[in-house]
Amino acid sequence: MKKRRNHDAGFKARVALEALKGERTVSELAAEYGVHPTMIHQWKKSLLDGAADIFERGGKTAPSVDEDTVRSLHAKIGELAVANDFLSRKLKPWTGK
């Protein structure tokens, strides 16, 4: 059984743009790039659906994060760091390091 491949966004965009140009068939592109034609159709549809977002005014805004959430996450990181340090000191006799 083949392992599933993850293609990066640039690759998907390049293939979808070639499919939009219409100079070659989807089957030809699929054979050249080694992907299933259905994937090319999905990437092409995603490109067309998301194209309008590029031209929206104001661009994208960063999502707001609640300060209480940030504080609680920093506290959790601190707890985990202390626990990690404690466990690493306790395991030293058994690991020989």
PDB file of N, CA and C in Angstrom:
ATOM      1  N   MET A   1       0.836  -1.179   0.000  1.00  0.00           N
ATOM      2  CA  MET A   1       0.000   0.000   0.000  1.00  0.00           C
ATOM      3  C   MET A   1       0.881   1.242   0.000  1.00  0.00           C
ATOM      4  N   LYS A   2       0.559   2.212  -0.851  1.00  0.00           N
ATOM      5  CA  LYS A   2       1.353   3.433  -0.940  1.00  0.00           C
ATOM      6  C   LYS A   2       1.052   4.353   0.231  1.00  0.00           C
ATOM      7  N   LYS A   3       2.076   5.078   0.642  1.00  0.00           N
ATOM      8  CA  LYS A   3       1.887   6.066   1.689  1.00  0.00           C
ATOM      9  C   LYS A   3       1.301   7.333   1.066  1.00  0.00           C
ATOM     10  N   ARG A   4       0.393   7.943   1.764  1.00  0.00           N
ATOM     11  CA  ARG A   4      -0.255   9.161   1.286  1.00  0.00           C
ATOM     12  C   ARG A   4       0.747  10.309   1.279  1.00  0.00           C
ATOM     13  N   ARG A   5       0.767  11.064   0.172  1.00  0.00           N
ATOM     14  CA  ARG A   5       1.693  12.185   0.049  1.00  0.00           C
ATOM     15  C   ARG A   5       0.986  13.482   0.395  1.00  0.00           C
ATOM     16  N   ASN A   6       1.719  14.358   1.054  1.00  0.00           N
ATOM     17  CA  ASN A   6       1.206  15.691   1.347  1.00  0.00           C
ATOM     18  C   ASN A   6       1.946  16.680   0.460  1.00  0.00           C
ATOM     19  N   HIS A   7       1.205  17.366  -0.381  1.00  0.00           N
ATOM     20  CA  HIS A   7       1.799  18.349  -1.276  1.00  0.00           C
ATOM     21  C   HIS A   7       1.706  19.722  -0.629  1.00  0.00           C
ATOM     22  N   ASP A   8       2.725  20.538  -0.819  1.00  0.00           N
ATOM     23  CA  ASP A   8       2.701  21.879  -0.245  1.00  0.00           C
ATOM     24  C   ASP A   8       1.774  22.777  -1.057  1.00  0.00           C
ATOM     25  N   ALA A   9       1.437  23.918  -0.476  1.00  0.00           N
ATOM     26  CA  ALA A   9       0.476  24.827  -1.088  1.00  0.00           C
ATOM     27  C   ALA A   9       0.975  25.359  -2.430  1.00  0.00           C
ATOM     28  N   GLY A  10       2.268  25.599  -2.546  1.00  0.00           N
ATOM     29  CA  GLY A  10       2.816  26.098  -3.803  1.00  0.00           C
ATOM     30  C   GLY A  10       2.636  25.120  -4.940  1.00  0.00           C
ATOM     31  N   PHE A  11       2.855  23.850  -4.656  1.00  0.00           N
ATOM     32  CA  PHE A  11       2.683  22.814  -5.673  1.00  0.00           C
ATOM     33  C   PHE A  11       1.229  22.744  -6.121  1.00  0.00           C
ATOM     34  N   LYS A  12       0.323  22.762  -5.148  1.00  0.00           N
ATOM     35  CA  LYS A  12      -1.100  22.693  -5.472  1.00  0.00           C
ATOM     36  C   LYS A  12      -1.525  23.886  -6.322  1.00  0.00           C
ATOM     37  N   ALA A  13      -1.050  25.072  -5.941  1.00  0.00           N
ATOM     38  CA  ALA A  13      -1.413  26.281  -6.688  1.00  0.00           C
ATOM     39  C   ALA A  13      -0.877  26.224  -8.113  1.00  0.00           C
ATOM     40  N   ARG A  14       0.356  25.753  -8.262  1.00  0.00           N
ATOM     41  CA  ARG A  14       0.972  25.670  -9.596  1.00  0.00           C
ATOM     42  C   ARG A  14       0.177  24.724 -10.497  1.00  0.00           C
ATOM     43  N   VAL A  15      -0.186  23.555  -9.961  1.00  0.00           N
ATOM     44  CA  VAL A  15      -0.936  22.572 -10.751  1.00  0.00           C
ATOM     45  C   VAL A  15      -2.337  23.102 -11.062  1.00  0.00           C
ATOM     46  N   ALA A  16      -2.983  23.729 -10.065  1.00  0.00           N
ATOM     47  CA  ALA A  16      -4.335  24.258 -10.279  1.00  0.00           C
ATOM     48  C   ALA A  16      -4.318  25.374 -11.323  1.00  0.00           C
ATOM     49  N   LEU A  17      -3.304  26.227 -11.300  1.00  0.00           N
ATOM     50  CA  LEU A  17      -3.212  27.291 -12.301  1.00  0.00           C
ATOM     51  C   LEU A  17      -3.018  26.728 -13.701  1.00  0.00           C
ATOM     52  N   GLU A  18      -2.206  25.692 -13.805  1.00  0.00           N
ATOM     53  CA  GLU A  18      -2.031  25.060 -15.117  1.00  0.00           C
ATOM     54  C   GLU A  18      -3.341  24.452 -15.600  1.00  0.00           C
ATOM     55  N   ALA A  19      -4.110  23.886 -14.670  1.00  0.00           N
ATOM     56  CA  ALA A  19      -5.403  23.311 -15.042  1.00  0.00           C
ATOM     57  C   ALA A  19      -6.370  24.408 -15.491  1.00  0.00           C
ATOM     58  N   LEU A  20      -6.292  25.571 -14.836  1.00  0.00           N
ATOM     59  CA  LEU A  20      -7.158  26.689 -15.221  1.00  0.00           C
ATOM     60  C   LEU A  20      -6.807  27.247 -16.584  1.00  0.00           C
ATOM     61  N   LYS A  21      -5.537  27.224 -16.935  1.00  0.00           N
ATOM     62  CA  LYS A  21      -5.120  27.743 -18.238  1.00  0.00           C
ATOM     63  C   LYS A  21      -5.793  26.977 -19.367  1.00  0.00           C
ATOM     64  N   GLY A  22      -5.964  25.681 -19.181  1.00  0.00           N
ATOM     65  CA  GLY A  22      -6.643  24.872 -20.180  1.00  0.00           C
ATOM     66  C   GLY A  22      -5.783  24.482 -21.365  1.00  0.00           C
ATOM     67  N   GLU A  23      -4.476  24.698 -21.279  1.00  0.00           N
ATOM     68  CA  GLU A  23      -3.590  24.341 -22.388  1.00  0.00           C
ATOM     69  C   GLU A  23      -3.421  22.832 -22.506  1.00  0.00           C
ATOM     70  N   ARG A  24      -3.529  22.142 -21.361  1.00  0.00           N
ATOM     71  CA  ARG A  24      -3.443  20.676 -21.347  1.00  0.00           C
ATOM     72  C   ARG A  24      -4.610  20.125 -20.546  1.00  0.00           C
ATOM     73  N   THR A  25      -4.937  18.872 -20.791  1.00  0.00           N
ATOM     74  CA  THR A  25      -6.053  18.259 -20.078  1.00  0.00           C
ATOM     75  C   THR A  25      -5.631  17.916 -18.659  1.00  0.00           C
ATOM     76  N   VAL A  26      -6.632  17.708 -17.829  1.00  0.00           N
ATOM     77  CA  VAL A  26      -6.374  17.328 -16.443  1.00  0.00           C
ATOM     78  C   VAL A  26      -5.665  15.975 -16.399  1.00  0.00           C
ATOM     79  N   SER A  27      -6.004  15.097 -17.298  1.00  0.00           N
ATOM     80  CA  SER A  27      -5.347  13.784 -17.349  1.00  0.00           C
ATOM     81  C   SER A  27      -3.866  13.916 -17.666  1.00  0.00           C
ATOM     82  N   GLU A  28      -3.531  14.812 -18.572  1.00  0.00           N
ATOM     83  CA  GLU A  28      -2.118  15.029 -18.905  1.00  0.00           C
ATOM     84  C   GLU A  28      -1.366  15.611 -17.703  1.00  0.00           C
ATOM     85  N   LEU A  29      -1.994  16.560 -17.019  1.00  0.00           N
ATOM     86  CA  LEU A  29      -1.361  17.143 -15.839  1.00  0.00           C
ATOM     87  C   LEU A  29      -1.193  16.101 -14.735  1.00  0.00           C
ATOM     88  N   ALA A  30      -2.202  15.256 -14.561  1.00  0.00           N
ATOM     89  CA  ALA A  30      -2.135  14.222 -13.544  1.00  0.00           C
ATOM     90  C   ALA A  30      -0.989  13.258 -13.823  1.00  0.00           C
ATOM     91  N   ALA A  31      -0.809  12.891 -15.071  1.00  0.00           N
ATOM     92  CA  ALA A  31       0.277  11.988 -15.439  1.00  0.00           C
ATOM     93  C   ALA A  31       1.627  12.651 -15.235  1.00  0.00           C
ATOM     94  N   GLU A  32       1.733  13.934 -15.566  1.00  0.00           N
ATOM     95  CA  GLU A  32       3.010  14.639 -15.429  1.00  0.00           C
ATOM     96  C   GLU A  32       3.411  14.809 -13.962  1.00  0.00           C
ATOM     97  N   TYR A  33       2.443  15.199 -13.128  1.00  0.00           N
ATOM     98  CA  TYR A  33       2.762  15.497 -11.735  1.00  0.00           C
ATOM     99  C   TYR A  33       2.578  14.312 -10.800  1.00  0.00           C
ATOM    100  N   GLY A  34       2.022  13.227 -11.298  1.00  0.00           N
ATOM    101  CA  GLY A  34       1.877  12.026 -10.482  1.00  0.00           C
ATOM    102  C   GLY A  34       0.805  12.146  -9.414  1.00  0.00           C
ATOM    103  N   VAL A  35      -0.278  12.823  -9.729  1.00  0.00           N
ATOM    104  CA  VAL A  35      -1.396  12.940  -8.794  1.00  0.00           C
ATOM    105  C   VAL A  35      -2.676  12.493  -9.504  1.00  0.00           C
ATOM    106  N   HIS A  36      -3.680  12.197  -8.720  1.00  0.00           N
ATOM    107  CA  HIS A  36      -4.945  11.740  -9.282  1.00  0.00           C
ATOM    108  C   HIS A  36      -5.697  12.937  -9.872  1.00  0.00           C
ATOM    109  N   PRO A  37      -6.372  12.742 -10.995  1.00  0.00           N
ATOM    110  CA  PRO A  37      -7.119  13.843 -11.609  1.00  0.00           C
ATOM    111  C   PRO A  37      -8.157  14.474 -10.671  1.00  0.00           C
ATOM    112  N   THR A  38      -8.748  13.673  -9.794  1.00  0.00           N
ATOM    113  CA  THR A  38      -9.719  14.210  -8.842  1.00  0.00           C
ATOM    114  C   THR A  38      -9.083  15.265  -7.945  1.00  0.00           C
ATOM    115  N   MET A  39      -7.837  15.028  -7.543  1.00  0.00           N
ATOM    116  CA  MET A  39      -7.135  15.987  -6.698  1.00  0.00           C
ATOM    117  C   MET A  39      -6.947  17.312  -7.436  1.00  0.00           C
ATOM    118  N   ILE A  40      -6.620  17.227  -8.711  1.00  0.00           N
ATOM    119  CA  ILE A  40      -6.431  18.451  -9.502  1.00  0.00           C
ATOM    120  C   ILE A  40      -7.741  19.225  -9.592  1.00  0.00           C
ATOM    121  N   HIS A  41      -8.843  18.515  -9.777  1.00  0.00           N
ATOM    122  CA  HIS A  41     -10.142  19.179  -9.825  1.00  0.00           C
ATOM    123  C   HIS A  41     -10.458  19.859  -8.492  1.00  0.00           C
ATOM    124  N   GLN A  42     -10.132  19.192  -7.371  1.00  0.00           N
ATOM    125  CA  GLN A  42     -10.381  19.777  -6.051  1.00  0.00           C
ATOM    126  C   GLN A  42      -9.511  21.015  -5.838  1.00  0.00           C
ATOM    127  N   TRP A  43      -8.233  20.947  -6.217  1.00  0.00           N
ATOM    128  CA  TRP A  43      -7.332  22.089  -6.055  1.00  0.00           C
ATOM    129  C   TRP A  43      -7.799  23.260  -6.918  1.00  0.00           C
ATOM    130  N   LYS A  44      -8.255  22.951  -8.115  1.00  0.00           N
ATOM    131  CA  LYS A  44      -8.743  23.988  -9.029  1.00  0.00           C
ATOM    132  C   LYS A  44      -9.972  24.670  -8.432  1.00  0.00           C
ATOM    133  N   LYS A  45     -10.898  23.885  -7.869  1.00  0.00           N
ATOM    134  CA  LYS A  45     -12.097  24.434  -7.243  1.00  0.00           C
ATOM    135  C   LYS A  45     -11.724  25.285  -6.033  1.00  0.00           C
ATOM    136  N   SER A  46     -10.776  24.829  -5.223  1.00  0.00           N
ATOM    137  CA  SER A  46     -10.338  25.594  -4.054  1.00  0.00           C
ATOM    138  C   SER A  46      -9.712  26.914  -4.470  1.00  0.00           C
ATOM    139  N   LEU A  47      -8.940  26.878  -5.535  1.00  0.00           N
ATOM    140  CA  LEU A  47      -8.307  28.096  -6.039  1.00  0.00           C
ATOM    141  C   LEU A  47      -9.362  29.098  -6.486  1.00  0.00           C
ATOM    142  N   LEU A  48     -10.366  28.631  -7.220  1.00  0.00           N
ATOM    143  CA  LEU A  48     -11.417  29.523  -7.689  1.00  0.00           C
ATOM    144  C   LEU A  48     -12.259  30.062  -6.530  1.00  0.00           C
ATOM    145  N   ASP A  49     -12.550  29.215  -5.543  1.00  0.00           N
ATOM    146  CA  ASP A  49     -13.347  29.649  -4.393  1.00  0.00           C
ATOM    147  C   ASP A  49     -12.604  30.666  -3.537  1.00  0.00           C
ATOM    148  N   GLY A  50     -11.286  30.526  -3.415  1.00  0.00           N
ATOM    149  CA  GLY A  50     -10.518  31.415  -2.557  1.00  0.00           C
ATOM    150  C   GLY A  50      -9.927  32.612  -3.263  1.00  0.00           C
ATOM    151  N   ALA A  51     -10.105  32.708  -4.557  1.00  0.00           N
ATOM    152  CA  ALA A  51      -9.490  33.797  -5.317  1.00  0.00           C
ATOM    153  C   ALA A  51     -10.047  35.161  -4.912  1.00  0.00           C
ATOM    154  N   ALA A  52     -11.306  35.240  -4.571  1.00  0.00           N
ATOM    155  CA  ALA A  52     -11.912  36.518  -4.206  1.00  0.00           C
ATOM    156  C   ALA A  52     -11.327  37.068  -2.906  1.00  0.00           C
ATOM    157  N   ASP A  53     -10.876  36.193  -2.027  1.00  0.00           N
ATOM    158  CA  ASP A  53     -10.302  36.627  -0.751  1.00  0.00           C
ATOM    159  C   ASP A  53      -9.031  37.445  -0.941  1.00  0.00           C
ATOM    160  N   ILE A  54      -8.331  37.222  -2.014  1.00  0.00           N
ATOM    161  CA  ILE A  54      -7.083  37.933  -2.278  1.00  0.00           C
ATOM    162  C   ILE A  54      -7.349  39.416  -2.459  1.00  0.00           C
ATOM    163  N   PHE A  55      -8.487  39.761  -3.041  1.00  0.00           N
ATOM    164  CA  PHE A  55      -8.777  41.138  -3.405  1.00  0.00           C
ATOM    165  C   PHE A  55      -9.644  41.882  -2.395  1.00  0.00           C
ATOM    166  N   GLU A  56      -9.907  41.276  -1.239  1.00  0.00           N
ATOM    167  CA  GLU A  56     -10.703  41.960  -0.225  1.00  0.00           C
ATOM    168  C   GLU A  56      -9.919  43.122   0.352  1.00  0.00           C
ATOM    169  N   ARG A  57     -10.615  44.199   0.658  1.00  0.00           N
ATOM    170  CA  ARG A  57      -9.963  45.382   1.228  1.00  0.00           C
ATOM    171  C   ARG A  57      -9.561  45.116   2.674  1.00  0.00           C
ATOM    172  N   GLY A  58      -8.456  45.738   3.069  1.00  0.00           N
ATOM    173  CA  GLY A  58      -8.018  45.646   4.454  1.00  0.00           C
ATOM    174  C   GLY A  58      -7.175  44.430   4.762  1.00  0.00           C
ATOM    175  N   GLY A  59      -7.151  43.506   3.906  1.00  0.00           N
ATOM    176  CA  GLY A  59      -6.355  42.308   4.148  1.00  0.00           C
ATOM    177  C   GLY A  59      -6.893  41.500   5.317  1.00  0.00           C
ATOM    178  N   LYS A  60      -6.122  40.567   5.726  1.00  0.00           N
ATOM    179  CA  LYS A  60      -6.519  39.706   6.831  1.00  0.00           C
ATOM    180  C   LYS A  60      -6.073  40.318   8.143  1.00  0.00           C
ATOM    181  N   THR A  61      -6.921  40.224   9.136  1.00  0.00           N
ATOM    182  CA  THR A  61      -6.560  40.707  10.460  1.00  0.00           C
ATOM    183  C   THR A  61      -6.183  39.516  11.322  1.00  0.00           C
ATOM    184  N   ALA A  62      -5.268  39.763  12.213  1.00  0.00           N
ATOM    185  CA  ALA A  62      -4.837  38.694  13.115  1.00  0.00           C
ATOM    186  C   ALA A  62      -5.972  38.373  14.079  1.00  0.00           C
ATOM    187  N   PRO A  63      -6.206  37.100  14.350  1.00  0.00           N
ATOM    188  CA  PRO A  63      -7.279  36.755  15.270  1.00  0.00           C
ATOM    189  C   PRO A  63      -6.934  37.260  16.669  1.00  0.00           C
ATOM    190  N   SER A  64      -7.940  37.814  17.338  1.00  0.00           N
ATOM    191  CA  SER A  64      -7.693  38.329  18.678  1.00  0.00           C
ATOM    192  C   SER A  64      -7.616  37.168  19.663  1.00  0.00           C
ATOM    193  N   VAL A  65      -6.712  37.311  20.626  1.00  0.00           N
ATOM    194  CA  VAL A  65      -6.508  36.266  21.626  1.00  0.00           C
ATOM    195  C   VAL A  65      -6.802  36.878  22.988  1.00  0.00           C
ATOM    196  N   ASP A  66      -7.589  36.183  23.753  1.00  0.00           N
ATOM    197  CA  ASP A  66      -7.950  36.639  25.087  1.00  0.00           C
ATOM    198  C   ASP A  66      -6.727  36.583  26.003  1.00  0.00           C
ATOM    199  N   GLU A  67      -6.497  37.643  26.776  1.00  0.00           N
ATOM    200  CA  GLU A  67      -5.332  37.686  27.664  1.00  0.00           C
ATOM    201  C   GLU A  67      -5.396  36.612  28.734  1.00  0.00           C
ATOM    202  N   ASP A  68      -6.609  36.286  29.208  1.00  0.00           N
ATOM    203  CA  ASP A  68      -6.739  35.229  30.212  1.00  0.00           C
ATOM    204  C   ASP A  68      -6.295  33.887  29.646  1.00  0.00           C
ATOM    205  N   THR A  69      -6.609  33.646  28.388  1.00  0.00           N
ATOM    206  CA  THR A  69      -6.179  32.407  27.743  1.00  0.00           C
ATOM    207  C   THR A  69      -4.665  32.351  27.643  1.00  0.00           C
ATOM    208  N   VAL A  70      -4.053  33.476  27.291  1.00  0.00           N
ATOM    209  CA  VAL A  70      -2.593  33.530  27.187  1.00  0.00           C
ATOM    210  C   VAL A  70      -1.956  33.264  28.547  1.00  0.00           C
ATOM    211  N   ARG A  71      -2.495  33.895  29.584  1.00  0.00           N
ATOM    212  CA  ARG A  71      -1.946  33.681  30.933  1.00  0.00           C
ATOM    213  C   ARG A  71      -2.063  32.222  31.350  1.00  0.00           C
ATOM    214  N   SER A  72      -3.228  31.616  31.091  1.00  0.00           N
ATOM    215  CA  SER A  72      -3.409  30.216  31.494  1.00  0.00           C
ATOM    216  C   SER A  72      -2.484  29.289  30.707  1.00  0.00           C
ATOM    217  N   LEU A  73      -2.250  29.615  29.440  1.00  0.00           N
ATOM    218  CA  LEU A  73      -1.341  28.785  28.644  1.00  0.00           C
ATOM    219  C   LEU A  73       0.109  28.942  29.115  1.00  0.00           C
ATOM    220  N   HIS A  74       0.502  30.174  29.473  1.00  0.00           N
ATOM    221  CA  HIS A  74       1.848  30.376  30.010  1.00  0.00           C
ATOM    222  C   HIS A  74       2.023  29.632  31.336  1.00  0.00           C
ATOM    223  N   ALA A  75       0.988  29.627  32.156  1.00  0.00           N
ATOM    224  CA  ALA A  75       1.051  28.896  33.422  1.00  0.00           C
ATOM    225  C   ALA A  75       1.210  27.402  33.169  1.00  0.00           C
ATOM    226  N   LYS A  76       0.479  26.891  32.206  1.00  0.00           N
ATOM    227  CA  LYS A  76       0.565  25.466  31.878  1.00  0.00           C
ATOM    228  C   LYS A  76       1.958  25.119  31.351  1.00  0.00           C
ATOM    229  N   ILE A  77       2.519  25.995  30.525  1.00  0.00           N
ATOM    230  CA  ILE A  77       3.884  25.767  30.024  1.00  0.00           C
ATOM    231  C   ILE A  77       4.863  25.719  31.184  1.00  0.00           C
ATOM    232  N   GLY A  78       4.707  26.624  32.140  1.00  0.00           N
ATOM    233  CA  GLY A  78       5.574  26.624  33.318  1.00  0.00           C
ATOM    234  C   GLY A  78       5.463  25.338  34.113  1.00  0.00           C
ATOM    235  N   GLU A  79       4.234  24.873  34.324  1.00  0.00           N
ATOM    236  CA  GLU A  79       4.034  23.617  35.048  1.00  0.00           C
ATOM    237  C   GLU A  79       4.703  22.455  34.327  1.00  0.00           C
ATOM    238  N   LEU A  80       4.540  22.399  33.035  1.00  0.00           N
ATOM    239  CA  LEU A  80       5.124  21.308  32.251  1.00  0.00           C
ATOM    240  C   LEU A  80       6.653  21.379  32.260  1.00  0.00           C
ATOM    241  N   ALA A  81       7.209  22.595  32.235  1.00  0.00           N
ATOM    242  CA  ALA A  81       8.665  22.738  32.288  1.00  0.00           C
ATOM    243  C   ALA A  81       9.202  22.252  33.618  1.00  0.00           C
ATOM    244  N   VAL A  82       8.519  22.595  34.715  1.00  0.00           N
ATOM    245  CA  VAL A  82       8.950  22.142  36.040  1.00  0.00           C
ATOM    246  C   VAL A  82       8.861  20.620  36.130  1.00  0.00           C
ATOM    247  N   ALA A  83       7.765  20.054  35.650  1.00  0.00           N
ATOM    248  CA  ALA A  83       7.603  18.600  35.692  1.00  0.00           C
ATOM    249  C   ALA A  83       8.663  17.915  34.836  1.00  0.00           C
ATOM    250  N   ASN A  84       8.962  18.459  33.682  1.00  0.00           N
ATOM    251  CA  ASN A  84       9.972  17.888  32.795  1.00  0.00           C
ATOM    252  C   ASN A  84      11.349  17.922  33.459  1.00  0.00           C
ATOM    253  N   ASP A  85      11.681  19.049  34.076  1.00  0.00           N
ATOM    254  CA  ASP A  85      12.961  19.185  34.763  1.00  0.00           C
ATOM    255  C   ASP A  85      13.060  18.183  35.910  1.00  0.00           C
ATOM    256  N   PHE A  86      11.991  18.070  36.697  1.00  0.00           N
ATOM    257  CA  PHE A  86      11.969  17.136  37.826  1.00  0.00           C
ATOM    258  C   PHE A  86      12.174  15.697  37.354  1.00  0.00           C
ATOM    259  N   LEU A  87      11.432  15.315  36.321  1.00  0.00           N
ATOM    260  CA  LEU A  87      11.530  13.948  35.824  1.00  0.00           C
ATOM    261  C   LEU A  87      12.896  13.664  35.200  1.00  0.00           C
ATOM    262  N   SER A  88      13.466  14.638  34.526  1.00  0.00           N
ATOM    263  CA  SER A  88      14.778  14.410  33.923  1.00  0.00           C
ATOM    264  C   SER A  88      15.836  14.203  35.006  1.00  0.00           C
ATOM    265  N   ARG A  89      15.728  14.929  36.144  1.00  0.00           N
ATOM    266  CA  ARG A  89      16.682  14.724  37.246  1.00  0.00           C
ATOM    267  C   ARG A  89      16.471  13.371  37.903  1.00  0.00           C
ATOM    268  N   LYS A  90      15.230  12.930  38.039  1.00  0.00           N
ATOM    269  CA  LYS A  90      14.938  11.646  38.687  1.00  0.00           C
ATOM    270  C   LYS A  90      15.334  10.466  37.808  1.00  0.00           C
ATOM    271  N   LEU A  91      15.333  10.631  36.503  1.00  0.00           N
ATOM    272  CA  LEU A  91      15.657   9.532  35.601  1.00  0.00           C
ATOM    273  C   LEU A  91      17.156   9.398  35.329  1.00  0.00           C
ATOM    274  N   LYS A  92      17.948  10.394  35.696  1.00  0.00           N
ATOM    275  CA  LYS A  92      19.386  10.335  35.424  1.00  0.00           C
ATOM    276  C   LYS A  92      20.053   9.069  35.972  1.00  0.00           C
ATOM    277  N   PRO A  93      19.754   8.614  37.188  1.00  0.00           N
ATOM    278  CA  PRO A  93      20.422   7.382  37.676  1.00  0.00           C
ATOM    279  C   PRO A  93      20.158   6.157  36.801  1.00  0.00           C
ATOM    280  N   TRP A  94      18.995   6.094  36.138  1.00  0.00           N
ATOM    281  CA  TRP A  94      18.657   4.913  35.344  1.00  0.00           C
ATOM    282  C   TRP A  94      19.149   5.021  33.906  1.00  0.00           C
ATOM    283  N   THR A  95      19.334   6.230  33.422  1.00  0.00           N
ATOM    284  CA  THR A  95      19.773   6.373  32.034  1.00  0.00           C
ATOM    285  C   THR A  95      21.277   6.390  31.898  1.00  0.00           C
ATOM    286  N   GLY A  96      21.980   6.655  32.987  1.00  0.00           N
ATOM    287  CA  GLY A  96      23.442   6.670  32.933  1.00  0.00           C
ATOM    288  C   GLY A  96      24.025   7.926  32.335  1.00  0.00           C
ATOM    289  N   LYS A  97      23.251   8.958  32.215  1.00  0.00           N
ATOM    290  CA  LYS A  97      23.748  10.209  31.624  1.00  0.00           C
ATOM    291  C   LYS A  97      24.034  11.225  32.681  1.00  0.00           C
TER     292      LYS A  97
END
